[in-house]
C-alpha cells in the first residue's frame, strides 16, 4: 500500500494537470465549440486514457529504464522531434477557417490518447 503522502501528491498532481490550460484543454474547448459536447466525448475519454497511461508508465518506473539505457532516450528524442515536425507540417498545411469547418471532424479516442 502506498503511503498517504504519496497518494496525496499523485492526486494533487493529477488534479492540477487536468485543469491547467494546456493543449488538451484548448483542443477540447475547440472541439466542443465546433462539434458539440456529444461528438467530443471520445476526445475527452481519449485524453483521460492517455493521461492515465502516462501516469502508469511513470509509476512503473519507465524513467529509470530510460536513464539506464541511453539509446532508448535518444530514440525517444528522435521520435518526439519527428512528431513535432509532423504536427508543424499539419498546422502549416491546414485549411482556412471556413474550409476546415466543412470537412473536419473531432479527434478520435485513439488520436486523443496518443496526443
C-alpha atoms as a PDB file:
ATOM      1  CA  UNK A   1       0.000   0.000   0.000  1.00  0.00           C
ATOM      2  CA  UNK A   2       1.285   3.447  -0.892  1.00  0.00           C
ATOM      3  CA  UNK A   3       1.914   5.934   1.896  1.00  0.00           C
ATOM      4  CA  UNK A   4      -0.758   8.621   2.293  1.00  0.00           C
ATOM      5  CA  UNK A   5       1.761  11.342   1.361  1.00  0.00           C
ATOM      6  CA  UNK A   6       2.456   9.643  -1.996  1.00  0.00           C
ATOM      7  CA  UNK A   7      -1.227   9.196  -2.798  1.00  0.00           C
ATOM      8  CA  UNK A   8      -1.935  12.813  -1.849  1.00  0.00           C
ATOM      9  CA  UNK A   9       0.899  14.054  -4.073  1.00  0.00           C
ATOM     10  CA  UNK A  10      -0.299  11.916  -7.003  1.00  0.00           C
ATOM     11  CA  UNK A  11      -3.927  13.029  -6.684  1.00  0.00           C
ATOM     12  CA  UNK A  12      -2.874  16.673  -6.347  1.00  0.00           C
ATOM     13  CA  UNK A  13      -0.675  16.451  -9.445  1.00  0.00           C
ATOM     14  CA  UNK A  14      -3.402  14.733 -11.464  1.00  0.00           C
ATOM     15  CA  UNK A  15      -5.987  17.335 -10.438  1.00  0.00           C
ATOM     16  CA  UNK A  16      -3.793  20.340 -11.233  1.00  0.00           C
ATOM     17  CA  UNK A  17      -2.639  18.836 -14.527  1.00  0.00           C
ATOM     18  CA  UNK A  18      -6.225  18.148 -15.567  1.00  0.00           C
ATOM     19  CA  UNK A  19      -7.422  21.741 -15.071  1.00  0.00           C
ATOM     20  CA  UNK A  20      -4.338  23.624 -16.242  1.00  0.00           C
ATOM     21  CA  UNK A  21      -4.985  25.269 -19.615  1.00  0.00           C
ATOM     22  CA  UNK A  22      -2.692  23.137 -21.718  1.00  0.00           C
ATOM     23  CA  UNK A  23      -3.012  21.816 -25.250  1.00  0.00           C
ATOM     24  CA  UNK A  24      -5.562  19.128 -24.358  1.00  0.00           C
ATOM     25  CA  UNK A  25      -7.916  21.598 -22.706  1.00  0.00           C
ATOM     26  CA  UNK A  26      -7.563  24.012 -25.618  1.00  0.00           C
ATOM     27  CA  UNK A  27      -8.270  21.231 -28.120  1.00  0.00           C
ATOM     28  CA  UNK A  28     -11.300  20.117 -26.123  1.00  0.00           C
ATOM     29  CA  UNK A  29     -12.632  23.659 -25.995  1.00  0.00           C
ATOM     30  CA  UNK A  30     -12.264  23.999 -29.762  1.00  0.00           C
ATOM     31  CA  UNK A  31     -13.835  20.580 -30.309  1.00  0.00           C
ATOM     32  CA  UNK A  32     -16.796  21.445 -28.105  1.00  0.00           C
ATOM     33  CA  UNK A  33     -17.375  24.708 -29.945  1.00  0.00           C
ATOM     34  CA  UNK A  34     -17.023  23.164 -33.408  1.00  0.00           C
ATOM     35  CA  UNK A  35     -18.665  19.766 -32.933  1.00  0.00           C
ATOM     36  CA  UNK A  36     -20.704  19.943 -29.746  1.00  0.00           C
ATOM     37  CA  UNK A  37     -20.440  18.078 -26.460  1.00  0.00           C
ATOM     38  CA  UNK A  38     -21.680  14.672 -27.629  1.00  0.00           C
ATOM     39  CA  UNK A  39     -19.285  14.414 -30.590  1.00  0.00           C
ATOM     40  CA  UNK A  40     -16.373  15.489 -28.348  1.00  0.00           C
ATOM     41  CA  UNK A  41     -16.889  12.701 -25.785  1.00  0.00           C
ATOM     42  CA  UNK A  42     -14.459  10.237 -27.483  1.00  0.00           C
ATOM     43  CA  UNK A  43     -11.857  13.015 -27.477  1.00  0.00           C
ATOM     44  CA  UNK A  44     -12.396  13.595 -23.732  1.00  0.00           C
ATOM     45  CA  UNK A  45     -12.186   9.889 -22.945  1.00  0.00           C
ATOM     46  CA  UNK A  46      -9.042   9.533 -25.060  1.00  0.00           C
ATOM     47  CA  UNK A  47      -7.346  12.321 -23.132  1.00  0.00           C
ATOM     48  CA  UNK A  48      -8.260  10.636 -19.841  1.00  0.00           C
ATOM     49  CA  UNK A  49      -6.923   7.277 -21.058  1.00  0.00           C
ATOM     50  CA  UNK A  50      -3.711   8.819 -22.365  1.00  0.00           C
ATOM     51  CA  UNK A  51      -3.140  10.700 -19.123  1.00  0.00           C
ATOM     52  CA  UNK A  52      -3.728   7.544 -17.070  1.00  0.00           C
ATOM     53  CA  UNK A  53      -1.298   5.630 -19.307  1.00  0.00           C
ATOM     54  CA  UNK A  54       1.302   8.351 -18.783  1.00  0.00           C
ATOM     55  CA  UNK A  55       0.874   8.247 -15.004  1.00  0.00           C
ATOM     56  CA  UNK A  56       1.015   4.450 -15.046  1.00  0.00           C
ATOM     57  CA  UNK A  57       4.240   4.497 -17.066  1.00  0.00           C
ATOM     58  CA  UNK A  58       5.802   6.951 -14.633  1.00  0.00           C
ATOM     59  CA  UNK A  59       4.608   4.890 -11.677  1.00  0.00           C
ATOM     60  CA  UNK A  60       6.067   1.710 -13.147  1.00  0.00           C
ATOM     61  CA  UNK A  61       9.491   3.330 -13.483  1.00  0.00           C
ATOM     62  CA  UNK A  62       9.831   3.880 -17.226  1.00  0.00           C
ATOM     63  CA  UNK A  63      12.003   6.898 -16.401  1.00  0.00           C
ATOM     64  CA  UNK A  64      14.524   4.621 -14.701  1.00  0.00           C
ATOM     65  CA  UNK A  65      14.636   2.398 -17.792  1.00  0.00           C
ATOM     66  CA  UNK A  66      15.295   5.436 -19.980  1.00  0.00           C
ATOM     67  CA  UNK A  67      18.048   6.574 -17.612  1.00  0.00           C
ATOM     68  CA  UNK A  68      19.649   3.128 -17.663  1.00  0.00           C
ATOM     69  CA  UNK A  69      19.543   2.764 -21.465  1.00  0.00           C
ATOM     70  CA  UNK A  70      20.693   5.993 -23.139  1.00  0.00           C
ATOM     71  CA  UNK A  71      19.920   4.596 -26.612  1.00  0.00           C
ATOM     72  CA  UNK A  72      16.222   4.476 -25.715  1.00  0.00           C
ATOM     73  CA  UNK A  73      16.385   8.075 -24.586  1.00  0.00           C
ATOM     74  CA  UNK A  74      17.950   9.066 -27.917  1.00  0.00           C
ATOM     75  CA  UNK A  75      15.310   7.122 -29.847  1.00  0.00           C
ATOM     76  CA  UNK A  76      12.571   8.824 -27.841  1.00  0.00           C
ATOM     77  CA  UNK A  77      14.064  12.241 -28.596  1.00  0.00           C
ATOM     78  CA  UNK A  78      14.182  11.451 -32.323  1.00  0.00           C
ATOM     79  CA  UNK A  79      10.609  10.145 -32.313  1.00  0.00           C
ATOM     80  CA  UNK A  80       9.445  13.229 -30.387  1.00  0.00           C
ATOM     81  CA  UNK A  81      11.205  15.576 -32.809  1.00  0.00           C
ATOM     82  CA  UNK A  82       9.680  13.736 -35.784  1.00  0.00           C
ATOM     83  CA  UNK A  83       6.228  14.013 -34.219  1.00  0.00           C
ATOM     84  CA  UNK A  84       6.691  17.740 -33.628  1.00  0.00           C
ATOM     85  CA  UNK A  85       7.764  18.201 -37.264  1.00  0.00           C
ATOM     86  CA  UNK A  86       4.693  16.278 -38.428  1.00  0.00           C
ATOM     87  CA  UNK A  87       2.453  18.487 -36.252  1.00  0.00           C
ATOM     88  CA  UNK A  88       4.124  21.611 -37.657  1.00  0.00           C
ATOM     89  CA  UNK A  89       3.519  20.304 -41.189  1.00  0.00           C
ATOM     90  CA  UNK A  90      -0.151  19.700 -40.392  1.00  0.00           C
ATOM     91  CA  UNK A  91      -0.534  23.228 -38.989  1.00  0.00           C
ATOM     92  CA  UNK A  92       1.291  24.803 -41.917  1.00  0.00           C
ATOM     93  CA  UNK A  93      -0.944  22.987 -44.409  1.00  0.00           C
ATOM     94  CA  UNK A  94      -4.206  23.398 -42.517  1.00  0.00           C
ATOM     95  CA  UNK A  95      -7.231  24.649 -44.408  1.00  0.00           C
ATOM     96  CA  UNK A  96      -8.634  28.118 -43.905  1.00  0.00           C
ATOM     97  CA  UNK A  97     -11.198  28.528 -41.121  1.00  0.00           C
ATOM     98  CA  UNK A  98     -14.237  28.426 -43.418  1.00  0.00           C
ATOM     99  CA  UNK A  99     -12.943  25.443 -45.376  1.00  0.00           C
ATOM    100  CA  UNK A 100     -11.926  23.487 -42.284  1.00  0.00           C
ATOM    101  CA  UNK A 101     -15.430  23.540 -40.810  1.00  0.00           C
ATOM    102  CA  UNK A 102     -16.861  21.812 -43.886  1.00  0.00           C
ATOM    103  CA  UNK A 103     -14.563  18.780 -43.868  1.00  0.00           C
ATOM    104  CA  UNK A 104     -13.211  18.462 -40.326  1.00  0.00           C
ATOM    105  CA  UNK A 105     -14.133  16.008 -37.597  1.00  0.00           C
ATOM    106  CA  UNK A 106     -13.335  15.723 -33.888  1.00  0.00           C
ATOM    107  CA  UNK A 107     -10.331  13.758 -32.712  1.00  0.00           C
ATOM    108  CA  UNK A 108     -10.958  10.087 -32.157  1.00  0.00           C
ATOM    109  CA  UNK A 109     -10.377   8.287 -28.860  1.00  0.00           C
ATOM    110  CA  UNK A 110      -7.030   6.842 -30.029  1.00  0.00           C
ATOM    111  CA  UNK A 111      -5.797  10.109 -31.549  1.00  0.00           C
ATOM    112  CA  UNK A 112      -6.514  11.944 -28.297  1.00  0.00           C
ATOM    113  CA  UNK A 113      -4.952   9.180 -26.179  1.00  0.00           C
ATOM    114  CA  UNK A 114      -1.774   9.262 -28.282  1.00  0.00           C
ATOM    115  CA  UNK A 115      -1.617  13.047 -28.148  1.00  0.00           C
END
